[in-house]
Amino acid sequence: MRDVNGVKVYTLFYEAKIRYLTPVGQWKVGDVRTIKSNYGFQQTENGWQGPDGTIYTK
């Protein structure tokens, strides 16, 4: 967690692996694709606001 211009911000970093069970586009059966990304959240009075605007409370 860090403070950006007085707002508490938390960034969730993740890595996901997708294994294809059927052919899709360039991907063959059994291929594994790794996706790395992150989601940023900011603290509000009502909870943590996600990148889609949803507020998450405890």
PDB file of N, CA and C in Angstrom:
ATOM      1  N   MET A   1       0.851  -1.160   0.000  1.00  0.00           N
ATOM      2  CA  MET A   1       0.000   0.000   0.000  1.00  0.00           C
ATOM      3  C   MET A   1       0.905   1.232   0.000  1.00  0.00           C
ATOM      4  N   ARG A   2       0.446   2.258  -0.686  1.00  0.00           N
ATOM      5  CA  ARG A   2       1.197   3.510  -0.680  1.00  0.00           C
ATOM      6  C   ARG A   2       0.225   4.678  -0.706  1.00  0.00           C
ATOM      7  N   ASP A   3       0.755   5.841  -0.491  1.00  0.00           N
ATOM      8  CA  ASP A   3      -0.042   7.053  -0.438  1.00  0.00           C
ATOM      9  C   ASP A   3       0.254   7.869  -1.692  1.00  0.00           C
ATOM     10  N   VAL A   4      -0.789   8.152  -2.480  1.00  0.00           N
ATOM     11  CA  VAL A   4      -0.629   8.950  -3.703  1.00  0.00           C
ATOM     12  C   VAL A   4      -1.528  10.179  -3.572  1.00  0.00           C
ATOM     13  N   ASN A   5      -0.916  11.328  -3.454  1.00  0.00           N
ATOM     14  CA  ASN A   5      -1.653  12.590  -3.302  1.00  0.00           C
ATOM     15  C   ASN A   5      -2.689  12.522  -2.184  1.00  0.00           C
ATOM     16  N   GLY A   6      -2.325  11.910  -1.079  1.00  0.00           N
ATOM     17  CA  GLY A   6      -3.215  11.832   0.070  1.00  0.00           C
ATOM     18  C   GLY A   6      -4.230  10.694   0.028  1.00  0.00           C
ATOM     19  N   VAL A   7      -4.217   9.893  -1.035  1.00  0.00           N
ATOM     20  CA  VAL A   7      -5.151   8.767  -1.163  1.00  0.00           C
ATOM     21  C   VAL A   7      -4.376   7.467  -1.001  1.00  0.00           C
ATOM     22  N   LYS A   8      -4.878   6.583  -0.130  1.00  0.00           N
ATOM     23  CA  LYS A   8      -4.236   5.284   0.040  1.00  0.00           C
ATOM     24  C   LYS A   8      -4.573   4.408  -1.168  1.00  0.00           C
ATOM     25  N   VAL A   9      -3.522   3.849  -1.773  1.00  0.00           N
ATOM     26  CA  VAL A   9      -3.670   3.046  -2.987  1.00  0.00           C
ATOM     27  C   VAL A   9      -3.023   1.690  -2.756  1.00  0.00           C
ATOM     28  N   TYR A  10      -3.696   0.641  -3.208  1.00  0.00           N
ATOM     29  CA  TYR A  10      -3.165  -0.720  -3.108  1.00  0.00           C
ATOM     30  C   TYR A  10      -3.205  -1.334  -4.491  1.00  0.00           C
ATOM     31  N   THR A  11      -2.103  -1.925  -4.917  1.00  0.00           N
ATOM     32  CA  THR A  11      -2.046  -2.577  -6.218  1.00  0.00           C
ATOM     33  C   THR A  11      -1.876  -4.070  -6.024  1.00  0.00           C
ATOM     34  N   LEU A  12      -2.798  -4.833  -6.589  1.00  0.00           N
ATOM     35  CA  LEU A  12      -2.759  -6.289  -6.535  1.00  0.00           C
ATOM     36  C   LEU A  12      -2.128  -6.790  -7.831  1.00  0.00           C
ATOM     37  N   PHE A  13      -0.961  -7.411  -7.717  1.00  0.00           N
ATOM     38  CA  PHE A  13      -0.287  -7.989  -8.874  1.00  0.00           C
ATOM     39  C   PHE A  13      -0.628  -9.474  -8.926  1.00  0.00           C
ATOM     40  N   TYR A  14      -0.883 -10.006 -10.122  1.00  0.00           N
ATOM     41  CA  TYR A  14      -1.213 -11.422 -10.220  1.00  0.00           C
ATOM     42  C   TYR A  14      -0.648 -12.043 -11.490  1.00  0.00           C
ATOM     43  N   GLU A  15      -0.576 -13.377 -11.452  1.00  0.00           N
ATOM     44  CA  GLU A  15      -0.152 -14.161 -12.618  1.00  0.00           C
ATOM     45  C   GLU A  15      -1.140 -15.309 -12.752  1.00  0.00           C
ATOM     46  N   ALA A  16      -1.686 -15.501 -13.944  1.00  0.00           N
ATOM     47  CA  ALA A  16      -2.654 -16.571 -14.196  1.00  0.00           C
ATOM     48  C   ALA A  16      -2.160 -17.437 -15.344  1.00  0.00           C
ATOM     49  N   LYS A  17      -2.388 -18.730 -15.236  1.00  0.00           N
ATOM     50  CA  LYS A  17      -2.029 -19.664 -16.299  1.00  0.00           C
ATOM     51  C   LYS A  17      -3.311 -20.245 -16.873  1.00  0.00           C
ATOM     52  N   ILE A  18      -3.427 -20.235 -18.191  1.00  0.00           N
ATOM     53  CA  ILE A  18      -4.587 -20.775 -18.892  1.00  0.00           C
ATOM     54  C   ILE A  18      -4.128 -21.986 -19.692  1.00  0.00           C
ATOM     55  N   ARG A  19      -4.764 -23.135 -19.460  1.00  0.00           N
ATOM     56  CA  ARG A  19      -4.465 -24.337 -20.233  1.00  0.00           C
ATOM     57  C   ARG A  19      -5.657 -24.578 -21.155  1.00  0.00           C
ATOM     58  N   TYR A  20      -5.400 -24.673 -22.447  1.00  0.00           N
ATOM     59  CA  TYR A  20      -6.459 -24.837 -23.436  1.00  0.00           C
ATOM     60  C   TYR A  20      -6.859 -26.295 -23.569  1.00  0.00           C
ATOM     61  N   LEU A  21      -8.153 -26.547 -23.439  1.00  0.00           N
ATOM     62  CA  LEU A  21      -8.695 -27.893 -23.566  1.00  0.00           C
ATOM     63  C   LEU A  21      -9.282 -28.132 -24.956  1.00  0.00           C
ATOM     64  N   THR A  22      -9.504 -27.048 -25.683  1.00  0.00           N
ATOM     65  CA  THR A  22      -9.957 -27.116 -27.075  1.00  0.00           C
ATOM     66  C   THR A  22      -9.165 -26.078 -27.856  1.00  0.00           C
ATOM     67  N   PRO A  23      -9.006 -26.265 -29.142  1.00  0.00           N
ATOM     68  CA  PRO A  23      -8.281 -25.262 -29.933  1.00  0.00           C
ATOM     69  C   PRO A  23      -9.053 -23.934 -29.978  1.00  0.00           C
ATOM     70  N   VAL A  24      -8.315 -22.839 -29.777  1.00  0.00           N
ATOM     71  CA  VAL A  24      -8.896 -21.495 -29.840  1.00  0.00           C
ATOM     72  C   VAL A  24      -7.902 -20.608 -30.575  1.00  0.00           C
ATOM     73  N   GLY A  25      -8.273 -20.161 -31.767  1.00  0.00           N
ATOM     74  CA  GLY A  25      -7.382 -19.297 -32.544  1.00  0.00           C
ATOM     75  C   GLY A  25      -6.031 -19.959 -32.761  1.00  0.00           C
ATOM     76  N   GLN A  26      -4.975 -19.293 -32.321  1.00  0.00           N
ATOM     77  CA  GLN A  26      -3.610 -19.809 -32.505  1.00  0.00           C
ATOM     78  C   GLN A  26      -3.230 -20.859 -31.472  1.00  0.00           C
ATOM     79  N   TRP A  27      -4.059 -21.049 -30.432  1.00  0.00           N
ATOM     80  CA  TRP A  27      -3.735 -21.950 -29.332  1.00  0.00           C
ATOM     81  C   TRP A  27      -4.241 -23.360 -29.607  1.00  0.00           C
ATOM     82  N   LYS A  28      -3.368 -24.345 -29.382  1.00  0.00           N
ATOM     83  CA  LYS A  28      -3.704 -25.753 -29.584  1.00  0.00           C
ATOM     84  C   LYS A  28      -4.084 -26.396 -28.257  1.00  0.00           C
ATOM     85  N   VAL A  29      -4.725 -27.563 -28.319  1.00  0.00           N
ATOM     86  CA  VAL A  29      -5.061 -28.314 -27.110  1.00  0.00           C
ATOM     87  C   VAL A  29      -3.782 -28.587 -26.318  1.00  0.00           C
ATOM     88  N   GLY A  30      -3.818 -28.299 -25.020  1.00  0.00           N
ATOM     89  CA  GLY A  30      -2.665 -28.531 -24.149  1.00  0.00           C
ATOM     90  C   GLY A  30      -1.734 -27.340 -24.019  1.00  0.00           C
ATOM     91  N   ASP A  31      -1.859 -26.334 -24.885  1.00  0.00           N
ATOM     92  CA  ASP A  31      -1.022 -25.136 -24.756  1.00  0.00           C
ATOM     93  C   ASP A  31      -1.329 -24.438 -23.436  1.00  0.00           C
ATOM     94  N   VAL A  32      -0.304 -23.826 -22.842  1.00  0.00           N
ATOM     95  CA  VAL A  32      -0.468 -23.066 -21.605  1.00  0.00           C
ATOM     96  C   VAL A  32      -0.008 -21.638 -21.869  1.00  0.00           C
ATOM     97  N   ARG A  33      -0.846 -20.704 -21.497  1.00  0.00           N
ATOM     98  CA  ARG A  33      -0.551 -19.284 -21.694  1.00  0.00           C
ATOM     99  C   ARG A  33      -0.500 -18.625 -20.320  1.00  0.00           C
ATOM    100  N   THR A  34       0.501 -17.793 -20.078  1.00  0.00           N
ATOM    101  CA  THR A  34       0.644 -17.090 -18.801  1.00  0.00           C
ATOM    102  C   THR A  34       0.310 -15.615 -19.009  1.00  0.00           C
ATOM    103  N   ILE A  35      -0.538 -15.114 -18.137  1.00  0.00           N
ATOM    104  CA  ILE A  35      -0.928 -13.706 -18.176  1.00  0.00           C
ATOM    105  C   ILE A  35      -0.507 -13.068 -16.860  1.00  0.00           C
ATOM    106  N   LYS A  36       0.186 -11.943 -16.947  1.00  0.00           N
ATOM    107  CA  LYS A  36       0.568 -11.174 -15.756  1.00  0.00           C
ATOM    108  C   LYS A  36      -0.062  -9.797 -15.879  1.00  0.00           C
ATOM    109  N   SER A  37      -0.669  -9.341 -14.792  1.00  0.00           N
ATOM    110  CA  SER A  37      -1.287  -8.028 -14.819  1.00  0.00           C
ATOM    111  C   SER A  37      -1.452  -7.514 -13.392  1.00  0.00           C
ATOM    112  N   ASN A  38      -2.206  -6.447 -13.231  1.00  0.00           N
ATOM    113  CA  ASN A  38      -2.451  -5.900 -11.904  1.00  0.00           C
ATOM    114  C   ASN A  38      -3.762  -5.132 -11.880  1.00  0.00           C
ATOM    115  N   TYR A  39      -4.298  -4.982 -10.698  1.00  0.00           N
ATOM    116  CA  TYR A  39      -5.485  -4.179 -10.450  1.00  0.00           C
ATOM    117  C   TYR A  39      -5.139  -3.163  -9.378  1.00  0.00           C
ATOM    118  N   GLY A  40      -5.529  -1.924  -9.610  1.00  0.00           N
ATOM    119  CA  GLY A  40      -5.302  -0.874  -8.624  1.00  0.00           C
ATOM    120  C   GLY A  40      -6.580  -0.566  -7.858  1.00  0.00           C
ATOM    121  N   PHE A  41      -6.461  -0.417  -6.551  1.00  0.00           N
ATOM    122  CA  PHE A  41      -7.585  -0.076  -5.692  1.00  0.00           C
ATOM    123  C   PHE A  41      -7.241   1.176  -4.916  1.00  0.00           C
ATOM    124  N   GLN A  42      -8.269   2.007  -4.645  1.00  0.00           N
ATOM    125  CA  GLN A  42      -8.035   3.169  -3.790  1.00  0.00           C
ATOM    126  C   GLN A  42      -9.028   3.148  -2.640  1.00  0.00           C
ATOM    127  N   GLN A  43      -8.555   3.594  -1.484  1.00  0.00           N
ATOM    128  CA  GLN A  43      -9.387   3.567  -0.282  1.00  0.00           C
ATOM    129  C   GLN A  43     -10.349   4.745  -0.296  1.00  0.00           C
ATOM    130  N   THR A  44     -11.627   4.458  -0.039  1.00  0.00           N
ATOM    131  CA  THR A  44     -12.651   5.491   0.070  1.00  0.00           C
ATOM    132  C   THR A  44     -13.279   5.387   1.457  1.00  0.00           C
ATOM    133  N   GLU A  45     -14.196   6.284   1.763  1.00  0.00           N
ATOM    134  CA  GLU A  45     -14.890   6.232   3.053  1.00  0.00           C
ATOM    135  C   GLU A  45     -15.720   4.960   3.196  1.00  0.00           C
ATOM    136  N   ASN A  46     -16.163   4.385   2.072  1.00  0.00           N
ATOM    137  CA  ASN A  46     -17.051   3.225   2.097  1.00  0.00           C
ATOM    138  C   ASN A  46     -16.338   1.894   1.883  1.00  0.00           C
ATOM    139  N   GLY A  47     -15.046   1.912   1.621  1.00  0.00           N
ATOM    140  CA  GLY A  47     -14.288   0.687   1.364  1.00  0.00           C
ATOM    141  C   GLY A  47     -13.274   0.917   0.260  1.00  0.00           C
ATOM    142  N   TRP A  48     -12.794  -0.184  -0.316  1.00  0.00           N
ATOM    143  CA  TRP A  48     -11.797  -0.089  -1.384  1.00  0.00           C
ATOM    144  C   TRP A  48     -12.499  -0.084  -2.735  1.00  0.00           C
ATOM    145  N   GLN A  49     -12.176   0.914  -3.573  1.00  0.00           N
ATOM    146  CA  GLN A  49     -12.781   1.037  -4.887  1.00  0.00           C
ATOM    147  C   GLN A  49     -11.862   0.415  -5.925  1.00  0.00           C
ATOM    148  N   GLY A  50     -12.402  -0.538  -6.688  1.00  0.00           N
ATOM    149  CA  GLY A  50     -11.630  -1.213  -7.718  1.00  0.00           C
ATOM    150  C   GLY A  50     -11.614  -0.426  -9.010  1.00  0.00           C
ATOM    151  N   PRO A  51     -10.863  -0.916  -9.998  1.00  0.00           N
ATOM    152  CA  PRO A  51     -10.728  -0.206 -11.264  1.00  0.00           C
ATOM    153  C   PRO A  51     -12.039  -0.081 -12.035  1.00  0.00           C
ATOM    154  N   ASP A  52     -13.011  -0.950 -11.737  1.00  0.00           N
ATOM    155  CA  ASP A  52     -14.307  -0.869 -12.424  1.00  0.00           C
ATOM    156  C   ASP A  52     -15.317  -0.005 -11.674  1.00  0.00           C
ATOM    157  N   GLY A  53     -14.893   0.614 -10.566  1.00  0.00           N
ATOM    158  CA  GLY A  53     -15.754   1.482  -9.785  1.00  0.00           C
ATOM    159  C   GLY A  53     -16.496   0.781  -8.659  1.00  0.00           C
ATOM    160  N   THR A  54     -16.401  -0.557  -8.586  1.00  0.00           N
ATOM    161  CA  THR A  54     -17.063  -1.308  -7.531  1.00  0.00           C
ATOM    162  C   THR A  54     -16.379  -1.040  -6.196  1.00  0.00           C
ATOM    163  N   ILE A  55     -17.186  -0.840  -5.142  1.00  0.00           N
ATOM    164  CA  ILE A  55     -16.664  -0.652  -3.793  1.00  0.00           C
ATOM    165  C   ILE A  55     -16.689  -1.987  -3.072  1.00  0.00           C
ATOM    166  N   TYR A  56     -15.547  -2.391  -2.533  1.00  0.00           N
ATOM    167  CA  TYR A  56     -15.421  -3.644  -1.793  1.00  0.00           C
ATOM    168  C   TYR A  56     -15.284  -3.325  -0.308  1.00  0.00           C
ATOM    169  N   THR A  57     -16.196  -3.868   0.492  1.00  0.00           N
ATOM    170  CA  THR A  57     -16.152  -3.652   1.933  1.00  0.00           C
ATOM    171  C   THR A  57     -15.728  -4.947   2.618  1.00  0.00           C
ATOM    172  N   LYS A  58     -15.451  -4.855   3.883  1.00  0.00           N
ATOM    173  CA  LYS A  58     -15.034  -6.044   4.644  1.00  0.00           C
ATOM    174  C   LYS A  58     -16.176  -6.996   4.835  1.00  0.00           C
TER     175      LYS A  58
END
